[in-house]
Protein backbone atom coordinates (compact mmCIF):
# COMPACT_ATOMS: atom_id res chain seq x y z
CA MET A 1 -0.26 0.02 0.05
CA ARG A 2 1.31 3.08 -1.22
CA PRO A 3 1.27 6.43 1.20
CA PRO A 4 -1.33 9.48 -0.16
CA GLY A 5 -0.06 11.81 -2.79
CA THR A 6 -0.50 15.38 -2.40
CA GLY A 7 -3.48 15.35 -4.73
CA GLU A 8 -5.27 13.14 -2.18
CA ILE A 9 -3.89 14.80 0.73
CA LEU A 10 -5.64 18.04 -0.65
CA PHE A 11 -8.88 16.19 -1.45
CA ILE A 12 -9.14 15.02 2.00
CA LEU A 13 -8.70 18.58 2.92
CA VAL A 14 -10.82 19.98 0.90
CA LEU A 15 -13.64 17.61 1.88
CA CYS A 16 -13.30 18.55 5.85
CA VAL A 17 -13.72 22.32 5.08
CA VAL A 18 -16.87 21.67 3.03
CA VAL A 19 -17.96 19.21 5.73
CA PHE A 20 -17.10 20.69 8.98
CA SER A 21 -17.02 24.66 7.74
CA ALA A 22 -13.52 26.61 7.99
CA SER A 23 -13.62 27.77 11.90
CA LYS A 24 -13.87 24.08 12.97
CA VAL A 25 -11.28 22.93 10.60
CA ASN A 26 -9.00 25.59 12.51
CA TRP A 27 -10.11 24.55 15.71
CA MET A 28 -9.44 20.66 14.88
CA GLY A 29 -6.18 21.72 13.89
CA ASP A 30 -5.20 23.28 16.87
CA VAL A 31 -6.24 20.46 18.70
CA LEU A 32 -4.18 18.00 16.55
CA GLY A 33 -1.03 20.05 16.78
CA ALA A 34 -1.24 20.26 20.65
CA PHE A 35 -1.89 16.46 20.95
CA TRP A 36 1.05 16.05 18.31
CA ARG A 37 3.33 17.93 20.59
CA ASN A 38 2.21 16.65 24.11
CA LEU A 39 2.55 13.01 22.31
CA LYS A 40 6.36 14.03 21.34
CA GLN A 41 7.07 15.76 25.01
CA GLY A 42 5.87 12.50 26.62
CA ALA A 43 8.12 10.27 24.26
CA ARG A 44 11.18 12.29 24.99
CA SER A 45 10.91 12.52 29.12
CA ASP A 46 12.64 10.13 30.72
CA ASP A 47 9.80 8.65 33.26
CA ARG A 48 11.93 5.72 35.00
CA ILE A 49 12.54 6.49 38.87
CA LYS A 50 16.02 7.16 39.76
CA VAL A 51 17.23 5.20 42.77
CA ARG A 52 20.12 6.13 44.70
CA PRO A 53 21.61 3.87 47.59
CA ALA A 54 20.98 5.38 50.82
CA ASP A 55 23.70 6.83 53.18
CA ASP A 56 24.70 3.99 55.41
CA ASP A 57 24.91 5.90 58.85
CA THR A 58 21.25 6.90 58.44
CA GLN A 59 20.04 3.33 57.26
CA ARG A 60 21.16 1.37 60.29
CA PRO A 61 19.07 0.55 63.56
CA ALA A 62 20.87 1.48 66.95
């Protein structure tokens, strides 16, 4: 299956404008852009827990 070409993408965009009106398409673009930015930021961040060894003096019972 080949990726969509420029003509097909333009057709889909024009169809969206006709179906949803220009103001809704602008809002949907903003939402999709924010989603994409958050997705990339979440993929870059390191959510692993960093564990460091405890000091010997504070962890021994008296």
